[in-house]
Amino acid sequence: MALYAEGTLTTTKSSMKLACAGGLCKMGISLNLFLLLFFSESIYAVSALSPDGLALMSLLRHWTRVPSSIKLSWNASDSTPCSWDGVQYCDFQKLNVVGLDLSSYGISGQLGPELASLKQLKSIEFSYNNFSDSIPLELGSCGLLEHLDLSFNSLTGELTQSFGNLRNLRLLSWKLFTLMPTNLMARSRRKHE
């Protein structure tokens, strides 16, 4: 069965054809182009946050208690986390987080391996919270890290050999007394001699 009228859809069992009359095809193409651009812009807007921002947003999944200041300022629709609460230093050209200071925020939960995704991170100040469980092994891959303060939390376990890779580490505060891998202690002694 086929219907033939100018500007209407013509169907047969074997194919589907569009008979164009006037500007109907142009309008259909324009509508398709508009929809394509609209949805591609929407997709872009969802993923506009920098990789460091995405890593920080992923940390929230490991935290069971988060203060309202973080909930309000950590926004996935931002392009960069550089203005977020607790982001102490940021490289605005590369949109990389360089320093995090979340000390005394009352955060509960685990640290989360996503911290290692912050490749330009030099300072982590997470003291006086309620982080529990062990320190993620992945943190040992933050090669630029100079300052790590995790004191006055409920962290358990020992620092592993992976922390020996932190060649720039100058300050490490974990508990009242810190257990360090032998090679990390040796490097620390050499820096102070």
N, C-alpha and C. Protein backbone atom coordinates (compact mmCIF):
# COMPACT_ATOMS: atom_id res chain seq x y z
N MET A 1 0.85 -1.17 0.00
CA MET A 1 0.00 0.00 0.00
C MET A 1 0.89 1.23 0.00
N ALA A 2 0.57 2.19 -0.79
CA ALA A 2 1.35 3.41 -0.88
C ALA A 2 0.42 4.60 -0.96
N LEU A 3 0.79 5.62 -0.21
CA LEU A 3 0.05 6.87 -0.29
C LEU A 3 0.92 7.85 -1.04
N TYR A 4 0.40 8.47 -2.05
CA TYR A 4 1.17 9.44 -2.82
C TYR A 4 0.50 10.79 -2.70
N ALA A 5 1.14 11.65 -2.00
CA ALA A 5 0.68 13.03 -1.93
C ALA A 5 1.92 13.87 -1.73
N GLU A 6 1.91 15.02 -2.29
CA GLU A 6 3.09 15.87 -2.22
C GLU A 6 3.35 16.27 -0.77
N GLY A 7 4.63 16.03 -0.33
CA GLY A 7 5.04 16.42 1.01
C GLY A 7 4.63 15.45 2.10
N THR A 8 4.18 14.27 1.79
CA THR A 8 3.81 13.31 2.83
C THR A 8 4.72 12.11 2.77
N LEU A 9 4.69 11.33 3.81
CA LEU A 9 5.50 10.13 3.89
C LEU A 9 4.91 9.06 3.00
N THR A 10 5.74 8.48 2.17
CA THR A 10 5.31 7.42 1.27
C THR A 10 5.91 6.12 1.77
N THR A 11 5.10 5.12 2.02
CA THR A 11 5.62 3.86 2.51
C THR A 11 5.26 2.73 1.59
N THR A 12 6.17 1.84 1.47
CA THR A 12 5.92 0.57 0.78
C THR A 12 6.48 -0.50 1.68
N LYS A 13 6.24 -1.75 1.33
CA LYS A 13 6.75 -2.83 2.15
C LYS A 13 8.27 -2.88 2.11
N SER A 14 8.88 -2.47 1.04
CA SER A 14 10.33 -2.62 0.91
C SER A 14 11.11 -1.37 1.30
N SER A 15 10.50 -0.22 1.32
CA SER A 15 11.29 0.97 1.64
C SER A 15 10.40 2.08 2.17
N MET A 16 11.07 3.06 2.70
CA MET A 16 10.38 4.24 3.20
C MET A 16 10.98 5.44 2.48
N LYS A 17 10.16 6.28 1.91
CA LYS A 17 10.65 7.42 1.16
C LYS A 17 9.98 8.68 1.67
N LEU A 18 10.69 9.77 1.59
CA LEU A 18 10.13 11.06 1.95
C LEU A 18 10.06 11.90 0.70
N ALA A 19 8.87 12.25 0.34
CA ALA A 19 8.70 13.12 -0.83
C ALA A 19 8.71 14.55 -0.33
N CYS A 20 9.63 15.33 -0.83
CA CYS A 20 9.80 16.70 -0.37
C CYS A 20 8.98 17.65 -1.22
N ALA A 21 8.34 18.55 -0.55
CA ALA A 21 7.64 19.61 -1.25
C ALA A 21 7.96 20.91 -0.55
N GLY A 22 8.30 21.91 -1.29
CA GLY A 22 8.62 23.20 -0.72
C GLY A 22 9.80 23.10 0.23
N GLY A 23 9.67 23.63 1.45
CA GLY A 23 10.77 23.66 2.41
C GLY A 23 10.68 22.61 3.50
N LEU A 24 9.79 21.60 3.34
CA LEU A 24 9.64 20.61 4.41
C LEU A 24 10.93 19.84 4.68
N CYS A 25 11.65 19.41 3.65
CA CYS A 25 12.90 18.68 3.87
C CYS A 25 13.92 19.59 4.53
N LYS A 26 14.00 20.83 4.09
CA LYS A 26 14.96 21.76 4.68
C LYS A 26 14.63 21.98 6.15
N MET A 27 13.35 22.10 6.46
CA MET A 27 12.95 22.29 7.84
C MET A 27 13.28 21.04 8.66
N GLY A 28 13.10 19.87 8.10
CA GLY A 28 13.44 18.64 8.79
C GLY A 28 14.93 18.54 9.05
N ILE A 29 15.74 18.94 8.08
CA ILE A 29 17.19 18.92 8.26
C ILE A 29 17.59 19.96 9.30
N SER A 30 16.97 21.13 9.25
CA SER A 30 17.28 22.17 10.22
C SER A 30 16.91 21.72 11.63
N LEU A 31 15.78 21.06 11.78
CA LEU A 31 15.37 20.56 13.09
C LEU A 31 16.35 19.50 13.58
N ASN A 32 16.75 18.59 12.69
CA ASN A 32 17.73 17.56 13.08
C ASN A 32 19.05 18.19 13.48
N LEU A 33 19.50 19.19 12.73
CA LEU A 33 20.75 19.87 13.05
C LEU A 33 20.65 20.57 14.40
N PHE A 34 19.53 21.23 14.64
CA PHE A 34 19.31 21.90 15.93
C PHE A 34 19.36 20.89 17.08
N LEU A 35 18.65 19.79 16.93
CA LEU A 35 18.62 18.77 17.98
C LEU A 35 20.01 18.19 18.23
N LEU A 36 20.75 17.95 17.16
CA LEU A 36 22.10 17.43 17.30
C LEU A 36 22.98 18.40 18.07
N LEU A 37 22.93 19.68 17.71
CA LEU A 37 23.74 20.68 18.40
C LEU A 37 23.29 20.85 19.85
N PHE A 38 21.98 20.84 20.08
CA PHE A 38 21.46 21.00 21.42
C PHE A 38 21.94 19.88 22.34
N PHE A 39 21.81 18.64 21.87
CA PHE A 39 22.21 17.52 22.71
C PHE A 39 23.71 17.41 22.84
N SER A 40 24.47 17.78 21.82
CA SER A 40 25.93 17.72 21.95
C SER A 40 26.40 18.79 22.93
N GLU A 41 25.76 19.96 22.97
CA GLU A 41 26.10 20.98 23.96
C GLU A 41 25.77 20.48 25.36
N SER A 42 24.65 19.78 25.51
CA SER A 42 24.27 19.24 26.81
C SER A 42 25.28 18.22 27.28
N ILE A 43 25.74 17.37 26.39
CA ILE A 43 26.74 16.37 26.74
C ILE A 43 28.03 17.06 27.13
N TYR A 44 28.42 18.10 26.40
CA TYR A 44 29.64 18.84 26.71
C TYR A 44 29.53 19.47 28.09
N ALA A 45 28.38 20.04 28.40
CA ALA A 45 28.21 20.71 29.68
C ALA A 45 28.35 19.73 30.84
N VAL A 46 27.91 18.50 30.67
CA VAL A 46 28.00 17.50 31.72
C VAL A 46 29.47 17.15 32.00
N SER A 47 30.30 17.11 30.97
CA SER A 47 31.69 16.69 31.15
C SER A 47 32.67 17.86 31.11
N ALA A 48 32.21 19.08 31.39
CA ALA A 48 33.07 20.26 31.30
C ALA A 48 34.03 20.37 32.47
N LEU A 49 33.77 19.69 33.57
CA LEU A 49 34.62 19.77 34.75
C LEU A 49 35.98 19.14 34.46
N SER A 50 37.04 19.81 34.89
CA SER A 50 38.40 19.32 34.66
C SER A 50 38.61 17.96 35.33
N PRO A 51 39.61 17.20 34.88
CA PRO A 51 39.88 15.89 35.49
C PRO A 51 40.12 15.97 37.01
N ASP A 52 40.80 17.03 37.47
CA ASP A 52 41.01 17.17 38.91
C ASP A 52 39.68 17.38 39.64
N GLY A 53 38.79 18.14 39.04
CA GLY A 53 37.47 18.34 39.63
C GLY A 53 36.69 17.05 39.69
N LEU A 54 36.77 16.25 38.64
CA LEU A 54 36.09 14.96 38.62
C LEU A 54 36.65 14.04 39.71
N ALA A 55 37.97 14.08 39.91
CA ALA A 55 38.59 13.26 40.95
C ALA A 55 38.09 13.67 42.34
N LEU A 56 38.00 14.98 42.57
CA LEU A 56 37.50 15.46 43.87
C LEU A 56 36.04 15.07 44.07
N MET A 57 35.24 15.18 43.02
CA MET A 57 33.83 14.77 43.13
C MET A 57 33.74 13.28 43.46
N SER A 58 34.65 12.48 42.93
CA SER A 58 34.67 11.05 43.22
C SER A 58 35.01 10.77 44.68
N LEU A 59 35.81 11.64 45.28
CA LEU A 59 36.15 11.46 46.70
C LEU A 59 34.91 11.51 47.58
N LEU A 60 33.94 12.32 47.19
CA LEU A 60 32.73 12.47 48.00
C LEU A 60 32.02 11.13 48.24
N ARG A 61 32.16 10.20 47.30
CA ARG A 61 31.52 8.88 47.45
C ARG A 61 32.10 8.11 48.63
N HIS A 62 33.31 8.44 49.04
CA HIS A 62 33.96 7.73 50.15
C HIS A 62 33.68 8.39 51.50
N TRP A 63 33.06 9.55 51.49
CA TRP A 63 32.84 10.30 52.71
C TRP A 63 31.41 10.15 53.19
N THR A 64 31.24 9.82 54.47
CA THR A 64 29.91 9.63 55.03
C THR A 64 29.37 10.89 55.69
N ARG A 65 30.24 11.77 56.09
CA ARG A 65 29.83 13.05 56.64
C ARG A 65 30.62 14.15 55.95
N VAL A 66 29.90 15.05 55.31
CA VAL A 66 30.52 16.13 54.54
C VAL A 66 29.88 17.45 54.99
N PRO A 67 30.67 18.45 55.33
CA PRO A 67 30.09 19.73 55.76
C PRO A 67 29.36 20.43 54.62
N SER A 68 28.41 21.25 54.99
CA SER A 68 27.59 21.95 53.99
C SER A 68 28.43 22.87 53.11
N SER A 69 29.52 23.43 53.63
CA SER A 69 30.34 24.33 52.81
C SER A 69 30.92 23.59 51.60
N ILE A 70 31.27 22.33 51.76
CA ILE A 70 31.76 21.54 50.64
C ILE A 70 30.61 21.16 49.72
N LYS A 71 29.50 20.74 50.31
CA LYS A 71 28.34 20.36 49.49
C LYS A 71 27.89 21.51 48.60
N LEU A 72 27.98 22.73 49.12
CA LEU A 72 27.53 23.90 48.36
C LEU A 72 28.54 24.36 47.31
N SER A 73 29.83 24.27 47.63
CA SER A 73 30.82 24.83 46.70
C SER A 73 31.37 23.82 45.70
N TRP A 74 31.35 22.54 46.01
CA TRP A 74 31.85 21.52 45.08
C TRP A 74 30.73 21.22 44.09
N ASN A 75 30.82 21.82 42.94
CA ASN A 75 29.74 21.77 41.96
C ASN A 75 30.24 21.15 40.66
N ALA A 76 29.65 20.06 40.25
CA ALA A 76 30.07 19.35 39.05
C ALA A 76 29.84 20.15 37.78
N SER A 77 29.03 21.20 37.84
CA SER A 77 28.80 22.00 36.63
C SER A 77 29.86 23.10 36.45
N ASP A 78 30.77 23.24 37.42
CA ASP A 78 31.89 24.18 37.27
C ASP A 78 32.89 23.60 36.27
N SER A 79 33.70 24.46 35.68
CA SER A 79 34.73 23.97 34.76
C SER A 79 36.01 23.60 35.50
N THR A 80 36.19 24.15 36.69
CA THR A 80 37.40 23.90 37.46
C THR A 80 37.06 23.90 38.95
N PRO A 81 37.79 23.14 39.75
CA PRO A 81 37.56 23.15 41.19
C PRO A 81 38.36 24.24 41.91
N CYS A 82 39.00 25.12 41.17
CA CYS A 82 39.92 26.09 41.77
C CYS A 82 39.28 27.03 42.79
N SER A 83 37.99 27.26 42.71
CA SER A 83 37.33 28.15 43.67
C SER A 83 36.55 27.37 44.74
N TRP A 84 36.69 26.06 44.76
CA TRP A 84 35.95 25.25 45.72
C TRP A 84 36.53 25.39 47.12
N ASP A 85 35.66 25.24 48.10
CA ASP A 85 36.07 25.27 49.49
C ASP A 85 37.06 24.14 49.75
N GLY A 86 38.17 24.46 50.39
CA GLY A 86 39.19 23.46 50.70
C GLY A 86 40.28 23.33 49.66
N VAL A 87 40.07 23.88 48.47
CA VAL A 87 41.13 23.87 47.46
C VAL A 87 42.00 25.09 47.76
N GLN A 88 43.17 24.81 48.32
CA GLN A 88 44.03 25.88 48.83
C GLN A 88 44.83 26.55 47.72
N TYR A 89 45.41 25.75 46.84
CA TYR A 89 46.21 26.27 45.73
C TYR A 89 45.78 25.59 44.45
N CYS A 90 45.84 26.36 43.36
CA CYS A 90 45.42 25.82 42.07
C CYS A 90 46.26 26.44 40.97
N ASP A 91 46.59 25.65 39.97
CA ASP A 91 47.26 26.16 38.77
C ASP A 91 46.13 26.54 37.81
N PHE A 92 45.86 27.83 37.70
CA PHE A 92 44.71 28.28 36.92
C PHE A 92 44.90 28.09 35.42
N GLN A 93 46.14 28.01 34.95
CA GLN A 93 46.35 27.79 33.52
C GLN A 93 46.03 26.35 33.13
N LYS A 94 46.47 25.41 33.95
CA LYS A 94 46.25 23.99 33.64
C LYS A 94 45.04 23.41 34.36
N LEU A 95 44.42 24.21 35.23
CA LEU A 95 43.25 23.80 36.02
C LEU A 95 43.56 22.62 36.93
N ASN A 96 44.80 22.56 37.44
CA ASN A 96 45.21 21.49 38.34
C ASN A 96 45.16 21.96 39.79
N VAL A 97 44.71 21.07 40.66
CA VAL A 97 44.73 21.33 42.09
C VAL A 97 46.15 21.07 42.59
N VAL A 98 46.71 22.04 43.30
CA VAL A 98 48.08 21.92 43.82
C VAL A 98 48.06 21.71 45.33
N GLY A 99 47.08 22.27 46.02
CA GLY A 99 47.00 22.11 47.47
C GLY A 99 45.57 21.96 47.95
N LEU A 100 45.36 21.03 48.87
CA LEU A 100 44.06 20.82 49.50
C LEU A 100 44.21 21.03 51.00
N ASP A 101 43.35 21.85 51.57
CA ASP A 101 43.34 22.04 53.02
C ASP A 101 41.92 21.82 53.52
N LEU A 102 41.69 20.63 54.00
CA LEU A 102 40.39 20.28 54.55
C LEU A 102 40.52 19.97 56.04
N SER A 103 41.51 20.56 56.69
CA SER A 103 41.71 20.30 58.12
C SER A 103 40.55 20.90 58.92
N SER A 104 40.14 20.16 59.94
CA SER A 104 39.08 20.58 60.87
C SER A 104 37.72 20.78 60.21
N TYR A 105 37.45 20.06 59.14
CA TYR A 105 36.14 20.15 58.49
C TYR A 105 35.14 19.15 59.08
N GLY A 106 35.61 18.23 59.92
CA GLY A 106 34.71 17.24 60.50
C GLY A 106 34.26 16.18 59.50
N ILE A 107 35.06 15.93 58.49
CA ILE A 107 34.72 14.94 57.46
C ILE A 107 34.91 13.54 58.03
N SER A 108 33.96 12.66 57.76
CA SER A 108 34.06 11.25 58.14
C SER A 108 34.07 10.41 56.89
N GLY A 109 34.75 9.28 56.96
CA GLY A 109 34.79 8.35 55.83
C GLY A 109 36.21 7.93 55.52
N GLN A 110 36.41 7.49 54.31
CA GLN A 110 37.72 7.01 53.87
C GLN A 110 38.37 8.04 52.96
N LEU A 111 39.70 7.96 52.85
CA LEU A 111 40.42 8.91 52.00
C LEU A 111 40.11 8.70 50.52
N GLY A 112 40.08 7.50 50.06
CA GLY A 112 39.77 7.23 48.66
C GLY A 112 40.99 7.33 47.76
N PRO A 113 41.14 6.38 46.84
CA PRO A 113 42.30 6.34 45.95
C PRO A 113 42.32 7.46 44.91
N GLU A 114 41.21 8.16 44.74
CA GLU A 114 41.14 9.23 43.73
C GLU A 114 42.11 10.37 44.01
N LEU A 115 42.58 10.49 45.24
CA LEU A 115 43.58 11.52 45.54
C LEU A 115 44.80 11.39 44.64
N ALA A 116 45.13 10.16 44.27
CA ALA A 116 46.30 9.92 43.41
C ALA A 116 46.08 10.44 42.00
N SER A 117 44.85 10.72 41.62
CA SER A 117 44.56 11.27 40.29
C SER A 117 44.95 12.74 40.18
N LEU A 118 45.20 13.37 41.31
CA LEU A 118 45.60 14.78 41.32
C LEU A 118 47.11 14.84 41.15
N LYS A 119 47.57 14.78 39.92
CA LYS A 119 48.99 14.59 39.60
C LYS A 119 49.88 15.78 39.97
N GLN A 120 49.32 16.98 40.10
CA GLN A 120 50.11 18.16 40.45
C GLN A 120 50.04 18.50 41.94
N LEU A 121 49.42 17.63 42.71
CA LEU A 121 49.19 17.87 44.13
C LEU A 121 50.51 17.92 44.90
N LYS A 122 50.72 19.01 45.63
CA LYS A 122 51.93 19.19 46.44
C LYS A 122 51.63 19.20 47.93
N SER A 123 50.39 19.51 48.30
CA SER A 123 50.06 19.65 49.72
C SER A 123 48.69 19.06 50.01
N ILE A 124 48.65 18.18 51.01
CA ILE A 124 47.39 17.62 51.52
C ILE A 124 47.37 17.88 53.01
N GLU A 125 46.41 18.65 53.45
CA GLU A 125 46.23 18.98 54.86
C GLU A 125 44.83 18.49 55.25
N PHE A 126 44.77 17.28 55.84
CA PHE A 126 43.50 16.66 56.21
C PHE A 126 43.43 16.38 57.71
N SER A 127 44.19 17.09 58.53
CA SER A 127 44.22 16.82 59.97
C SER A 127 42.89 17.20 60.63
N TYR A 128 42.68 16.62 61.81
CA TYR A 128 41.51 16.91 62.65
C TYR A 128 40.18 16.66 61.93
N ASN A 129 40.08 15.51 61.30
CA ASN A 129 38.82 15.04 60.74
C ASN A 129 38.54 13.68 61.36
N ASN A 130 37.70 12.91 60.74
CA ASN A 130 37.44 11.55 61.22
C ASN A 130 37.60 10.56 60.08
N PHE A 131 38.70 10.69 59.34
CA PHE A 131 38.99 9.71 58.29
C PHE A 131 39.38 8.40 58.96
N SER A 132 38.88 7.30 58.42
CA SER A 132 39.16 5.99 59.00
C SER A 132 39.67 5.06 57.91
N ASP A 133 39.95 3.85 58.31
CA ASP A 133 40.49 2.82 57.41
C ASP A 133 41.97 3.11 57.15
N SER A 134 42.53 2.53 56.13
CA SER A 134 43.96 2.70 55.87
C SER A 134 44.20 3.80 54.84
N ILE A 135 45.44 4.24 54.78
CA ILE A 135 45.84 5.24 53.78
C ILE A 135 45.93 4.52 52.44
N PRO A 136 45.30 5.04 51.39
CA PRO A 136 45.33 4.36 50.09
C PRO A 136 46.76 4.21 49.56
N LEU A 137 47.09 3.02 49.08
CA LEU A 137 48.40 2.77 48.50
C LEU A 137 48.68 3.73 47.34
N GLU A 138 47.64 4.09 46.60
CA GLU A 138 47.78 4.95 45.43
C GLU A 138 48.38 6.31 45.76
N LEU A 139 48.23 6.73 47.01
CA LEU A 139 48.77 8.03 47.42
C LEU A 139 50.29 8.07 47.24
N GLY A 140 50.93 6.91 47.27
CA GLY A 140 52.37 6.84 47.06
C GLY A 140 52.80 7.20 45.65
N SER A 141 51.84 7.33 44.73
CA SER A 141 52.19 7.71 43.35
C SER A 141 52.09 9.22 43.11
N CYS A 142 51.77 9.99 44.13
CA CYS A 142 51.72 11.45 44.00
C CYS A 142 53.14 11.99 44.12
N GLY A 143 53.89 11.89 43.05
CA GLY A 143 55.32 12.18 43.05
C GLY A 143 55.71 13.60 43.42
N LEU A 144 54.82 14.57 43.27
CA LEU A 144 55.15 15.96 43.59
C LEU A 144 54.81 16.34 45.03
N LEU A 145 54.19 15.41 45.77
CA LEU A 145 53.72 15.70 47.12
C LEU A 145 54.87 16.10 48.04
N GLU A 146 54.72 17.27 48.68
CA GLU A 146 55.73 17.79 49.61
C GLU A 146 55.23 17.79 51.05
N HIS A 147 53.93 17.95 51.22
CA HIS A 147 53.34 18.12 52.55
C HIS A 147 52.14 17.18 52.67
N LEU A 148 52.17 16.29 53.65
CA LEU A 148 51.06 15.36 53.88
C LEU A 148 50.76 15.34 55.37
N ASP A 149 49.64 15.91 55.76
CA ASP A 149 49.25 15.93 57.17
C ASP A 149 47.91 15.22 57.32
N LEU A 150 47.96 14.03 57.88
CA LEU A 150 46.77 13.23 58.13
C LEU A 150 46.58 13.00 59.62
N SER A 151 47.23 13.82 60.45
CA SER A 151 47.20 13.62 61.90
C SER A 151 45.80 13.87 62.47
N PHE A 152 45.58 13.27 63.64
CA PHE A 152 44.34 13.41 64.38
C PHE A 152 43.13 12.96 63.57
N ASN A 153 43.26 11.79 62.98
CA ASN A 153 42.17 11.08 62.32
C ASN A 153 42.11 9.69 62.94
N SER A 154 41.34 8.82 62.39
CA SER A 154 41.22 7.44 62.89
C SER A 154 41.79 6.46 61.88
N LEU A 155 42.88 6.83 61.25
CA LEU A 155 43.50 5.97 60.23
C LEU A 155 44.22 4.81 60.90
N THR A 156 44.21 3.67 60.22
CA THR A 156 44.84 2.47 60.74
C THR A 156 45.87 1.96 59.75
N GLY A 157 46.62 0.97 60.18
CA GLY A 157 47.59 0.35 59.28
C GLY A 157 48.92 1.08 59.30
N GLU A 158 49.78 0.66 58.41
CA GLU A 158 51.12 1.24 58.33
C GLU A 158 51.32 1.87 56.96
N LEU A 159 52.29 2.75 56.90
CA LEU A 159 52.68 3.30 55.61
C LEU A 159 53.43 2.22 54.85
N THR A 160 53.15 2.08 53.60
CA THR A 160 53.78 1.02 52.81
C THR A 160 55.00 1.55 52.06
N GLN A 161 55.69 0.63 51.43
CA GLN A 161 56.88 1.00 50.65
C GLN A 161 56.56 1.98 49.53
N SER A 162 55.31 2.00 49.06
CA SER A 162 54.97 2.93 47.97
C SER A 162 55.21 4.39 48.38
N PHE A 163 55.19 4.67 49.68
CA PHE A 163 55.45 6.04 50.12
C PHE A 163 56.92 6.41 49.98
N GLY A 164 57.77 5.43 49.75
CA GLY A 164 59.17 5.71 49.46
C GLY A 164 59.35 6.41 48.13
N ASN A 165 58.32 6.37 47.27
CA ASN A 165 58.37 7.05 45.97
C ASN A 165 58.15 8.56 46.10
N LEU A 166 57.76 9.01 47.26
CA LEU A 166 57.47 10.43 47.45
C LEU A 166 58.77 11.17 47.73
N ARG A 167 59.53 11.39 46.70
CA ARG A 167 60.88 11.95 46.82
C ARG A 167 60.89 13.42 47.25
N ASN A 168 59.81 14.13 47.04
CA ASN A 168 59.75 15.55 47.41
C ASN A 168 59.14 15.79 48.79
N LEU A 169 58.70 14.71 49.45
CA LEU A 169 58.00 14.84 50.72
C LEU A 169 58.92 15.43 51.79
N ARG A 170 58.48 16.55 52.37
CA ARG A 170 59.26 17.23 53.41
C ARG A 170 58.60 17.11 54.77
N LEU A 171 57.26 17.11 54.77
CA LEU A 171 56.53 17.01 56.03
C LEU A 171 55.53 15.88 55.92
N LEU A 172 55.63 14.97 56.86
CA LEU A 172 54.68 13.86 56.92
C LEU A 172 54.19 13.77 58.35
N SER A 173 52.92 13.98 58.55
CA SER A 173 52.33 13.87 59.87
C SER A 173 51.13 12.94 59.75
N TRP A 174 51.24 11.81 60.43
CA TRP A 174 50.21 10.79 60.26
C TRP A 174 49.47 10.57 61.57
N LYS A 175 50.20 10.31 62.63
CA LYS A 175 49.65 10.15 63.97
C LYS A 175 50.57 10.93 64.89
N LEU A 176 50.50 10.67 66.16
CA LEU A 176 51.46 11.32 67.05
C LEU A 176 52.87 10.85 66.75
N PHE A 177 53.00 9.58 66.42
CA PHE A 177 54.29 9.03 66.02
C PHE A 177 54.13 8.43 64.64
N THR A 178 55.08 8.66 63.80
CA THR A 178 54.98 8.23 62.41
C THR A 178 55.91 7.06 62.15
N LEU A 179 55.37 6.03 61.53
CA LEU A 179 56.17 4.90 61.09
C LEU A 179 56.44 5.11 59.61
N MET A 180 57.72 5.17 59.25
CA MET A 180 58.07 5.41 57.86
C MET A 180 58.86 4.23 57.31
N PRO A 181 58.70 3.94 56.02
CA PRO A 181 59.57 2.94 55.41
C PRO A 181 61.03 3.38 55.54
N THR A 182 61.93 2.42 55.60
CA THR A 182 63.34 2.70 55.81
C THR A 182 63.90 3.69 54.80
N ASN A 183 63.59 3.51 53.52
CA ASN A 183 64.15 4.41 52.51
C ASN A 183 63.60 5.83 52.64
N LEU A 184 62.38 5.97 53.13
CA LEU A 184 61.82 7.31 53.34
C LEU A 184 62.50 7.98 54.53
N MET A 185 62.78 7.21 55.58
CA MET A 185 63.48 7.78 56.73
C MET A 185 64.90 8.18 56.35
N ALA A 186 65.57 7.37 55.56
CA ALA A 186 66.94 7.68 55.15
C ALA A 186 66.98 8.97 54.35
N ARG A 187 66.04 9.15 53.43
CA ARG A 187 65.98 10.38 52.63
C ARG A 187 65.67 11.56 53.53
N SER A 188 64.78 11.35 54.49
CA SER A 188 64.41 12.42 55.40
C SER A 188 65.63 12.86 56.21
N ARG A 189 66.44 11.90 56.68
CA ARG A 189 67.65 12.23 57.42
C ARG A 189 68.63 13.02 56.56
N ARG A 190 68.79 12.61 55.30
CA ARG A 190 69.73 13.30 54.40
C ARG A 190 69.31 14.75 54.18
N LYS A 191 68.03 15.02 54.10
CA LYS A 191 67.55 16.39 53.87
C LYS A 191 67.84 17.28 55.07
N HIS A 192 67.87 16.69 56.26
CA HIS A 192 68.05 17.48 57.48
C HIS A 192 69.52 17.57 57.91
N GLU A 193 70.41 16.90 57.21
CA GLU A 193 71.83 16.93 57.59
C GLU A 193 72.52 18.11 56.96
